[in-house]
Amino acid sequence: MNSVNCLSLKTVIIKYGLELCEIQLQLIKWNKSVYFYTLALKHHMNHEQSIAASYYLLYKTWDYPSTRVVRCNEQEYCSDLEIKTAVDFLKITEDESIPVWELDEWDDKDYIRAQCLLEAHIEKCDIVLASSSRKQGETIIEKFEEQAQQNWDQFYLYHESNFFKDRHYLINEFPEELGCLCLRCLEGNLSYEINNAHDDDEHIIQEEFIICEIGCGVGNAILPLLELDPHIYELNQSQIIRKRKVIICAFDFSSVAIEIIKKDIRFIHAHQQNRTQAQVWDVTCPVIHPPIQNAQISLLLFCLSAIAPDKMMQAARNVAATLQPGGKLLVRDYGRYDEAQIKLGTSRKKRLGENFYVKHDGTRCYYFTLEDMERLFVDHAGLEKVDLKYLRRKYRNRRDDSVRRRVWVQATFRKPTRK
């Protein structure tokens, strides 16, 4: 998927009476024939609106082969048809009477319904059962494991950085662990002291605040963090300023993803300041020493689900080893009976194993329970559970009134300070 053009709507949105921050309408050409229009909302806009736009565009295609692009004052703008369509959709998401998403409460009937639906389709969905022989099915499953890295490389070669949205929600979801990145001063009014202090001042203690992400993809989590203040300041009771430099390390299975990160201007700028690094690391391989072992915060976001279940325990131990004593692991991943699992679980030859599926592009996905997470990170990796919960949300498509029920697991674990 290659970006063809980027059309700014900043000056023309006003004539439709829509009071929003800067919006970009990105024209993307796909398969040389179909055009998708992706609404890229800036991170300071309402995140739920941005999510709604993404989900809408995931299932709806705007195909305007004869669209005009008019030139005005050396800048390109969309035709009135494109602007009105985009604005009409955003007006829908602005309607406060109907929330973009709402909390979804599951009861026993919902669990039974989802479980029965998956069981009813297991014969056509399970690769082994749907193959002509068990050996043939097992060979297909083994091939997906052997080609795992190749399939992710192909995924990022095709989509580049256009598939996943930047995860600006992390600070809201984990305020205790990441909220300090948004606060220049955590305690007291230090503006005078900071502005008049020098690095060699005896009243300043310089330290590092290390954040590590395993399974970083093309940087949708770490790159927004690099946009924030590169230092955290605290003032202790002895009036000593504690200056902590934010260092962000990124690791991924795919060499293509790492190369894409390294080309991002945010990464380049931070790398020049010695604040970031990115490298390939297969977290499923046994290692004596991981690439980093002193992170205050490690992130594991929608990564573990792409790993074969029989390799998850090793991955969990490796992830835990990146933390310093007292450091925290922040996890978010796909939850059991998520809408995506139901869709895959009712399709032909998608089931690799128990709650483990292959997508159309060869990448794989596992759907977790809370018990899965606790077993991996507490029982096997030796971490302490701080928080563990399901996030269940209901997203409504306001054009056709369809509902998507999303389920994620979210957790915070801490590395013990003593063995």
Protein backbone atom coordinates (compact mmCIF):
# COMPACT_ATOMS: atom_id res chain seq x y z
CA MET A 1 0.00 0.00 0.00
CA ASN A 2 1.70 3.17 -1.20
CA SER A 3 0.77 6.71 -0.26
CA VAL A 4 0.06 8.67 -3.42
CA ASN A 5 -0.87 12.06 -2.12
CA CYS A 6 -1.78 13.92 1.06
CA LEU A 7 -4.55 16.47 0.76
CA SER A 8 -4.87 19.15 3.43
CA LEU A 9 -8.39 20.10 4.48
CA LYS A 10 -7.34 22.59 7.13
CA THR A 11 -8.58 25.73 5.34
CA VAL A 12 -11.64 24.32 3.60
CA ILE A 13 -13.21 22.46 6.53
CA ILE A 14 -14.41 25.77 7.96
CA LYS A 15 -16.97 26.36 5.22
CA TYR A 16 -18.87 23.27 6.38
CA GLY A 17 -19.04 24.55 9.95
CA LEU A 18 -17.02 21.73 11.46
CA GLU A 19 -15.01 22.93 14.46
CA LEU A 20 -12.20 20.40 14.64
CA CYS A 21 -8.45 20.51 14.84
CA GLU A 22 -6.32 20.01 11.75
CA ILE A 23 -7.45 17.07 9.66
CA GLN A 24 -5.64 15.38 6.85
CA LEU A 25 -7.28 13.28 4.21
CA GLN A 26 -4.79 10.81 2.85
CA LEU A 27 -5.31 9.35 -0.56
CA ILE A 28 -4.05 5.80 -0.70
CA LYS A 29 -3.95 3.67 -3.81
CA TRP A 30 -4.48 -0.04 -3.30
CA ASN A 31 -4.00 -2.79 -5.89
CA LYS A 32 -3.70 -0.11 -8.58
CA SER A 33 -7.47 0.28 -8.81
CA VAL A 34 -9.22 0.92 -5.50
CA TYR A 35 -8.83 4.15 -3.54
CA PHE A 36 -9.12 4.29 0.21
CA TYR A 37 -9.44 7.59 2.02
CA THR A 38 -7.92 7.46 5.49
CA LEU A 39 -8.80 10.11 8.01
CA ALA A 40 -5.62 10.81 9.94
CA LEU A 41 -6.68 12.77 12.99
CA LYS A 42 -3.95 14.52 14.95
CA HIS A 43 -3.11 13.00 18.32
CA HIS A 44 -4.53 15.93 20.26
CA MET A 45 -8.01 15.21 18.90
CA ASN A 46 -10.51 12.94 20.58
CA HIS A 47 -8.98 9.46 20.40
CA GLU A 48 -12.36 7.71 20.25
CA GLN A 49 -13.25 9.69 17.11
CA SER A 50 -10.02 8.56 15.55
CA ILE A 51 -10.77 4.94 16.41
CA ALA A 52 -14.25 5.23 14.93
CA ALA A 53 -12.85 6.59 11.68
CA SER A 54 -10.39 3.71 11.48
CA TYR A 55 -13.04 1.06 12.07
CA TYR A 56 -15.36 2.68 9.55
CA LEU A 57 -12.68 2.77 6.88
CA LEU A 58 -11.68 -0.80 7.63
CA TYR A 59 -15.04 -2.05 6.41
CA LYS A 60 -16.07 0.66 3.95
CA THR A 61 -14.37 1.57 0.67
CA TRP A 62 -14.78 4.98 -0.89
CA ASP A 63 -14.21 4.45 -4.60
CA TYR A 64 -14.21 7.66 -6.61
CA PRO A 65 -12.24 6.92 -9.80
CA SER A 66 -13.21 10.21 -11.40
CA THR A 67 -12.55 12.45 -8.41
CA ARG A 68 -11.31 15.95 -9.20
CA VAL A 69 -8.41 17.51 -7.35
CA VAL A 70 -8.41 21.29 -7.66
CA ARG A 71 -5.28 23.41 -7.20
CA CYS A 72 -5.47 26.64 -5.25
CA ASN A 73 -2.58 28.85 -4.12
CA GLU A 74 -0.02 26.14 -4.92
CA GLN A 75 -1.76 23.67 -2.58
CA GLU A 76 -3.94 20.70 -3.47
CA TYR A 77 -7.40 20.21 -2.06
CA CYS A 78 -10.06 17.56 -2.41
CA SER A 79 -13.11 18.11 -4.53
CA ASP A 80 -16.34 19.18 -2.80
CA LEU A 81 -17.64 15.61 -2.99
CA GLU A 82 -14.68 14.24 -1.06
CA ILE A 83 -14.75 17.01 1.53
CA LYS A 84 -18.46 16.68 2.14
CA THR A 85 -18.24 12.90 2.51
CA ALA A 86 -15.40 13.17 5.00
CA VAL A 87 -17.08 15.98 6.91
CA ASP A 88 -20.43 14.19 7.04
CA PHE A 89 -18.76 11.17 8.60
CA LEU A 90 -16.89 13.25 11.14
CA LYS A 91 -20.10 15.06 12.03
CA ILE A 92 -21.59 11.69 12.83
CA THR A 93 -18.73 10.91 15.21
CA GLU A 94 -19.21 14.32 16.79
CA ASP A 95 -22.82 13.51 17.72
CA GLU A 96 -22.61 13.38 21.51
CA SER A 97 -26.02 11.76 21.81
CA ILE A 98 -24.55 8.48 20.54
CA PRO A 99 -21.10 7.60 21.92
CA VAL A 100 -18.43 6.34 19.54
CA TRP A 101 -18.00 3.32 21.79
CA GLU A 102 -19.58 2.16 24.98
CA LEU A 103 -18.64 -0.33 27.66
CA ASP A 104 -19.84 -3.82 26.86
CA GLU A 105 -21.11 -5.98 29.70
CA TRP A 106 -20.97 -9.71 29.04
CA ASP A 107 -23.18 -12.23 30.81
CA ASP A 108 -23.25 -16.04 30.78
CA LYS A 109 -25.44 -16.10 27.68
CA ASP A 110 -22.88 -14.08 25.73
CA TYR A 111 -20.08 -16.50 26.64
CA ILE A 112 -22.20 -19.54 25.77
CA ARG A 113 -23.30 -17.99 22.47
CA ALA A 114 -19.72 -17.20 21.41
CA GLN A 115 -18.45 -20.62 22.48
CA CYS A 116 -21.24 -22.46 20.66
CA LEU A 117 -20.67 -20.42 17.52
CA LEU A 118 -17.00 -21.37 17.40
CA GLU A 119 -17.74 -25.04 18.16
CA ALA A 120 -20.36 -25.18 15.41
CA HIS A 121 -17.78 -24.16 12.79
CA ILE A 122 -14.78 -26.08 14.12
CA GLU A 123 -14.81 -28.79 11.44
CA LYS A 124 -14.52 -26.34 8.57
CA CYS A 125 -12.32 -23.88 10.49
CA ASP A 126 -9.73 -26.25 11.94
CA ILE A 127 -6.93 -26.79 9.42
CA VAL A 128 -6.25 -30.38 10.49
CA LEU A 129 -9.91 -31.41 10.46
CA ALA A 130 -10.62 -29.67 7.15
CA SER A 131 -7.58 -31.15 5.38
CA SER A 132 -7.60 -34.42 3.44
CA SER A 133 -5.34 -35.99 6.06
CA ARG A 134 -4.04 -35.16 9.50
CA LYS A 135 -0.48 -35.15 8.22
CA GLN A 136 -1.34 -32.63 5.52
CA GLY A 137 -2.99 -30.32 8.07
CA GLU A 138 -0.05 -30.54 10.46
CA THR A 139 2.34 -29.76 7.59
CA ILE A 140 0.38 -26.61 6.78
CA ILE A 141 0.52 -25.49 10.43
CA GLU A 142 4.27 -26.16 10.61
CA LYS A 143 4.77 -24.12 7.46
CA PHE A 144 3.09 -21.08 9.04
CA GLU A 145 5.50 -21.39 11.99
CA GLU A 146 8.53 -21.68 9.71
CA GLN A 147 7.45 -18.68 7.66
CA ALA A 148 6.41 -16.50 10.61
CA GLN A 149 9.20 -13.96 10.19
CA GLN A 150 8.83 -13.93 6.42
CA ASN A 151 5.09 -13.27 6.70
CA TRP A 152 5.61 -10.33 9.06
CA ASP A 153 8.29 -8.91 6.78
CA GLN A 154 5.86 -9.15 3.87
CA PHE A 155 3.14 -7.53 5.99
CA TYR A 156 5.30 -4.48 6.68
CA LEU A 157 6.65 -4.32 3.13
CA TYR A 158 3.07 -4.12 1.89
CA HIS A 159 1.50 -1.86 4.52
CA GLU A 160 4.60 0.04 5.67
CA SER A 161 3.41 2.40 8.45
CA ASN A 162 -0.16 2.76 7.12
CA PHE A 163 -1.93 -0.12 8.89
CA PHE A 164 -1.86 0.52 12.65
CA LYS A 165 -2.63 3.86 14.27
CA ASP A 166 -0.29 5.55 16.72
CA ARG A 167 -1.16 4.50 20.27
CA HIS A 168 -1.67 7.83 21.97
CA TYR A 169 -3.97 6.18 24.53
CA LEU A 170 -1.14 4.60 26.52
CA ILE A 171 -0.73 7.46 28.97
CA ASN A 172 -4.46 7.47 29.67
CA GLU A 173 -4.54 3.70 30.16
CA PHE A 174 -1.39 3.54 32.29
CA PRO A 175 -1.25 6.93 34.05
CA GLU A 176 0.69 5.75 37.08
CA GLU A 177 3.50 4.31 34.96
CA LEU A 178 3.59 6.69 31.97
CA GLY A 179 1.88 9.85 33.24
CA CYS A 180 5.25 11.27 34.31
CA LEU A 181 6.18 11.66 30.62
CA CYS A 182 3.57 14.40 30.26
CA LEU A 183 4.56 16.33 33.37
CA ARG A 184 7.71 18.37 33.20
CA CYS A 185 7.61 18.77 36.99
CA LEU A 186 6.15 16.02 39.10
CA GLU A 187 6.32 17.86 42.41
CA GLY A 188 6.27 21.55 43.22
CA ASN A 189 7.00 24.51 40.99
CA LEU A 190 10.47 23.89 39.58
CA SER A 191 10.38 26.22 36.61
CA TYR A 192 12.83 28.68 38.17
CA GLU A 193 15.17 25.99 39.47
CA ILE A 194 15.19 24.07 36.19
CA ASN A 195 15.69 27.12 33.99
CA ASN A 196 18.60 28.33 36.12
CA ALA A 197 20.27 25.00 36.80
CA HIS A 198 23.16 23.44 34.90
CA ASP A 199 23.89 19.78 34.37
CA ASP A 200 27.03 20.01 36.49
CA ASP A 201 25.15 21.67 39.36
CA GLU A 202 25.59 19.77 42.62
CA HIS A 203 21.84 20.08 43.23
CA ILE A 204 21.05 18.01 40.14
CA ILE A 205 21.12 14.21 40.05
CA GLN A 206 21.11 12.88 36.49
CA GLU A 207 19.60 9.47 35.82
CA GLU A 208 18.00 7.52 33.00
CA PHE A 209 14.36 6.49 32.68
CA ILE A 210 14.37 3.52 30.31
CA ILE A 211 11.31 2.35 28.41
CA CYS A 212 11.54 -0.83 26.37
CA GLU A 213 9.01 -2.17 23.88
CA ILE A 214 9.10 -5.76 22.70
CA GLY A 215 7.21 -6.29 19.46
CA CYS A 216 7.33 -2.62 18.51
CA GLY A 217 6.23 -3.10 14.89
CA VAL A 218 6.71 0.16 13.00
CA GLY A 219 6.74 2.23 16.19
CA ASN A 220 3.09 3.08 16.79
CA ALA A 221 3.73 3.12 20.55
CA ILE A 222 7.29 4.37 20.91
CA LEU A 223 7.24 7.13 18.28
CA PRO A 224 4.45 9.12 20.02
CA LEU A 225 6.41 8.77 23.27
CA LEU A 226 9.45 10.25 21.56
CA GLU A 227 7.39 13.37 20.82
CA LEU A 228 7.11 14.11 24.54
CA ASP A 229 9.55 15.93 26.79
CA PRO A 230 12.92 14.10 26.73
CA HIS A 231 13.46 14.70 30.46
CA ILE A 232 11.53 14.14 33.67
CA TYR A 233 12.24 16.41 36.66
CA GLU A 234 11.51 15.76 40.30
CA LEU A 235 12.32 17.70 43.45
CA ASN A 236 12.99 15.69 46.59
CA GLN A 237 12.74 16.79 50.22
CA SER A 238 16.39 17.89 50.23
CA GLN A 239 15.66 20.30 47.37
CA ILE A 240 17.76 18.16 45.02
CA ILE A 241 16.53 18.15 41.43
CA ARG A 242 16.33 14.67 39.98
CA LYS A 243 16.70 14.90 36.20
CA ARG A 244 15.87 11.70 34.35
CA LYS A 245 16.61 11.35 30.65
CA VAL A 246 13.95 9.31 28.85
CA ILE A 247 15.58 6.50 26.85
CA ILE A 248 13.35 4.35 24.62
CA CYS A 249 14.48 1.00 23.22
CA ALA A 250 12.50 -0.88 20.57
CA PHE A 251 12.72 -4.52 19.50
CA ASP A 252 10.85 -6.52 16.89
CA PHE A 253 10.88 -9.85 15.11
CA SER A 254 10.77 -8.17 11.68
CA SER A 255 13.85 -6.51 10.21
CA VAL A 256 11.57 -4.65 7.79
CA ALA A 257 9.64 -3.08 10.67
CA ILE A 258 12.87 -1.96 12.34
CA GLU A 259 14.11 -0.33 9.13
CA ILE A 260 10.80 1.54 8.79
CA ILE A 261 11.15 2.88 12.34
CA LYS A 262 14.68 4.07 11.67
CA LYS A 263 13.45 6.18 8.74
CA ASP A 264 10.88 8.06 10.85
CA ILE A 265 11.90 11.66 11.54
CA ARG A 266 10.94 11.32 15.22
CA PHE A 267 13.27 8.37 15.63
CA ILE A 268 16.08 10.05 13.69
CA HIS A 269 15.88 13.17 15.84
CA ALA A 270 15.83 11.18 19.11
CA HIS A 271 18.63 8.89 17.94
CA GLN A 272 20.83 11.91 17.29
CA GLN A 273 20.28 12.82 20.95
CA ASN A 274 21.18 9.26 22.05
CA ARG A 275 17.64 8.77 23.37
CA THR A 276 16.54 5.75 21.36
CA GLN A 277 17.62 2.59 19.61
CA ALA A 278 15.88 -0.12 17.61
CA GLN A 279 17.04 -3.61 16.71
CA VAL A 280 15.80 -7.04 15.68
CA TRP A 281 15.17 -9.50 18.50
CA ASP A 282 13.27 -12.77 18.42
CA VAL A 283 11.82 -12.86 21.92
CA THR A 284 10.95 -16.55 21.62
CA CYS A 285 14.61 -17.67 21.50
CA PRO A 286 16.35 -18.70 24.73
CA VAL A 287 18.96 -16.11 25.74
CA ILE A 288 21.33 -15.78 28.68
CA HIS A 289 21.15 -12.00 28.62
CA PRO A 290 18.44 -10.05 26.74
CA PRO A 291 19.44 -6.87 24.83
CA ILE A 292 18.38 -4.78 27.83
CA GLN A 293 17.98 -5.70 31.51
CA ASN A 294 17.39 -2.41 33.33
CA ALA A 295 14.13 -1.00 31.96
CA GLN A 296 11.84 0.82 34.37
CA ILE A 297 8.95 0.16 31.98
CA SER A 298 8.57 -2.59 29.38
CA LEU A 299 5.72 -2.58 26.88
CA LEU A 300 4.18 -5.69 25.33
CA LEU A 301 1.35 -4.52 23.08
CA PHE A 302 -0.41 -6.93 20.72
CA CYS A 303 2.81 -8.91 20.40
CA LEU A 304 2.40 -12.08 22.44
CA SER A 305 -0.74 -13.05 20.49
CA ALA A 306 1.33 -13.41 17.30
CA ILE A 307 3.53 -16.09 18.92
CA ALA A 308 2.81 -19.81 18.85
CA PRO A 309 1.40 -20.93 22.24
CA ASP A 310 4.24 -23.43 22.83
CA LYS A 311 6.77 -20.56 22.65
CA MET A 312 4.92 -18.11 24.87
CA MET A 313 6.50 -19.22 28.15
CA GLN A 314 10.02 -18.56 26.85
CA ALA A 315 8.86 -15.22 25.47
CA ALA A 316 7.32 -14.27 28.83
CA ARG A 317 10.56 -15.07 30.66
CA ASN A 318 12.61 -13.04 28.18
CA VAL A 319 10.25 -10.08 28.50
CA ALA A 320 10.44 -10.21 32.31
CA ALA A 321 14.24 -10.25 32.08
CA THR A 322 14.25 -6.81 30.43
CA LEU A 323 13.01 -5.21 33.67
CA GLN A 324 15.07 -3.94 36.55
CA PRO A 325 13.89 -4.95 40.06
CA GLY A 326 10.73 -2.97 40.75
CA GLY A 327 10.19 -2.29 37.01
CA LYS A 328 6.77 -2.75 35.49
CA LEU A 329 5.49 -4.60 32.44
CA LEU A 330 2.48 -3.09 30.65
CA VAL A 331 0.50 -5.51 28.50
CA ARG A 332 -2.42 -5.19 26.13
CA ASP A 333 -3.53 -7.91 23.74
CA TYR A 334 -6.53 -9.64 22.20
CA GLY A 335 -9.08 -11.19 24.55
CA ARG A 336 -11.11 -14.38 24.30
CA TYR A 337 -14.21 -14.12 22.06
CA ASP A 338 -13.15 -10.84 20.53
CA GLU A 339 -15.06 -9.97 17.36
CA ALA A 340 -11.99 -10.81 15.29
CA GLN A 341 -11.82 -14.30 16.82
CA ILE A 342 -15.47 -14.93 16.01
CA LYS A 343 -14.87 -13.86 12.42
CA LEU A 344 -11.80 -16.07 12.02
CA GLY A 345 -13.39 -18.93 13.96
CA THR A 346 -16.32 -19.12 11.55
CA SER A 347 -14.15 -19.02 8.41
CA ARG A 348 -12.67 -21.93 6.51
CA LYS A 349 -9.22 -23.31 7.45
CA LYS A 350 -8.19 -20.56 9.86
CA ARG A 351 -7.83 -22.47 13.14
CA LEU A 352 -4.28 -23.53 13.94
CA GLY A 353 -5.04 -24.71 17.46
CA GLU A 354 -7.01 -23.88 20.58
CA ASN A 355 -7.90 -20.15 20.27
CA PHE A 356 -5.03 -19.72 17.77
CA TYR A 357 -5.75 -18.64 14.19
CA VAL A 358 -4.07 -17.59 10.97
CA LYS A 359 -5.14 -14.47 9.07
CA HIS A 360 -5.36 -14.07 5.32
CA ASP A 361 -1.82 -12.62 5.16
CA GLY A 362 -0.21 -15.53 7.02
CA THR A 363 0.23 -13.70 10.33
CA ARG A 364 -1.26 -15.43 13.36
CA CYS A 365 -3.23 -14.43 16.43
CA TYR A 366 -4.04 -15.97 19.81
CA TYR A 367 -6.93 -14.79 22.00
CA PHE A 368 -6.20 -14.69 25.73
CA THR A 369 -8.07 -15.12 28.97
CA LEU A 370 -6.95 -13.44 32.20
CA GLU A 371 -5.89 -16.86 33.45
CA ASP A 372 -3.58 -17.22 30.43
CA MET A 373 -1.86 -13.95 31.29
CA GLU A 374 -1.48 -14.77 34.97
CA ARG A 375 -0.10 -18.22 34.23
CA LEU A 376 2.50 -16.85 31.80
CA PHE A 377 3.76 -13.83 33.71
CA VAL A 378 3.18 -14.75 37.35
CA ASP A 379 3.57 -18.54 37.43
CA HIS A 380 6.28 -18.88 34.77
CA ALA A 381 8.01 -15.49 34.53
CA GLY A 382 7.98 -14.75 38.27
CA LEU A 383 6.36 -11.29 38.11
CA GLU A 384 3.84 -9.85 40.57
CA LYS A 385 0.33 -9.01 39.39
CA VAL A 386 -0.57 -5.36 39.85
CA ASP A 387 -3.63 -5.12 37.60
CA LEU A 388 -5.33 -7.57 35.26
CA LYS A 389 -8.64 -7.03 33.51
CA TYR A 390 -10.72 -7.34 30.37
CA LEU A 391 -11.53 -4.31 28.27
CA ARG A 392 -14.85 -4.94 26.57
CA ARG A 393 -16.22 -2.29 24.27
CA LYS A 394 -19.01 -2.03 21.78
CA TYR A 395 -18.33 -0.04 18.61
CA ARG A 396 -21.26 1.02 16.47
CA ASN A 397 -21.10 1.81 12.77
CA ARG A 398 -23.57 4.67 12.50
CA ARG A 399 -24.12 4.33 8.79
CA ASP A 400 -25.46 0.78 8.82
CA ASP A 401 -26.03 0.50 12.60
CA SER A 402 -23.85 -2.61 12.85
CA VAL A 403 -22.12 -3.35 16.15
CA ARG A 404 -18.64 -4.75 16.72
CA ARG A 405 -17.87 -6.24 20.14
CA ARG A 406 -14.18 -5.90 20.93
CA VAL A 407 -12.42 -7.68 23.77
CA TRP A 408 -8.88 -7.03 24.98
CA VAL A 409 -6.87 -8.08 28.00
CA GLN A 410 -4.87 -5.40 29.80
CA ALA A 411 -2.39 -6.00 32.58
CA THR A 412 0.34 -4.47 34.70
CA PHE A 413 2.97 -6.72 36.27
CA ARG A 414 5.90 -5.79 38.50
CA LYS A 415 9.29 -7.42 38.87
CA PRO A 416 9.95 -8.23 42.55
CA THR A 417 12.66 -6.20 44.23
CA ARG A 418 13.87 -9.31 46.01
CA LYS A 419 14.15 -12.88 44.82
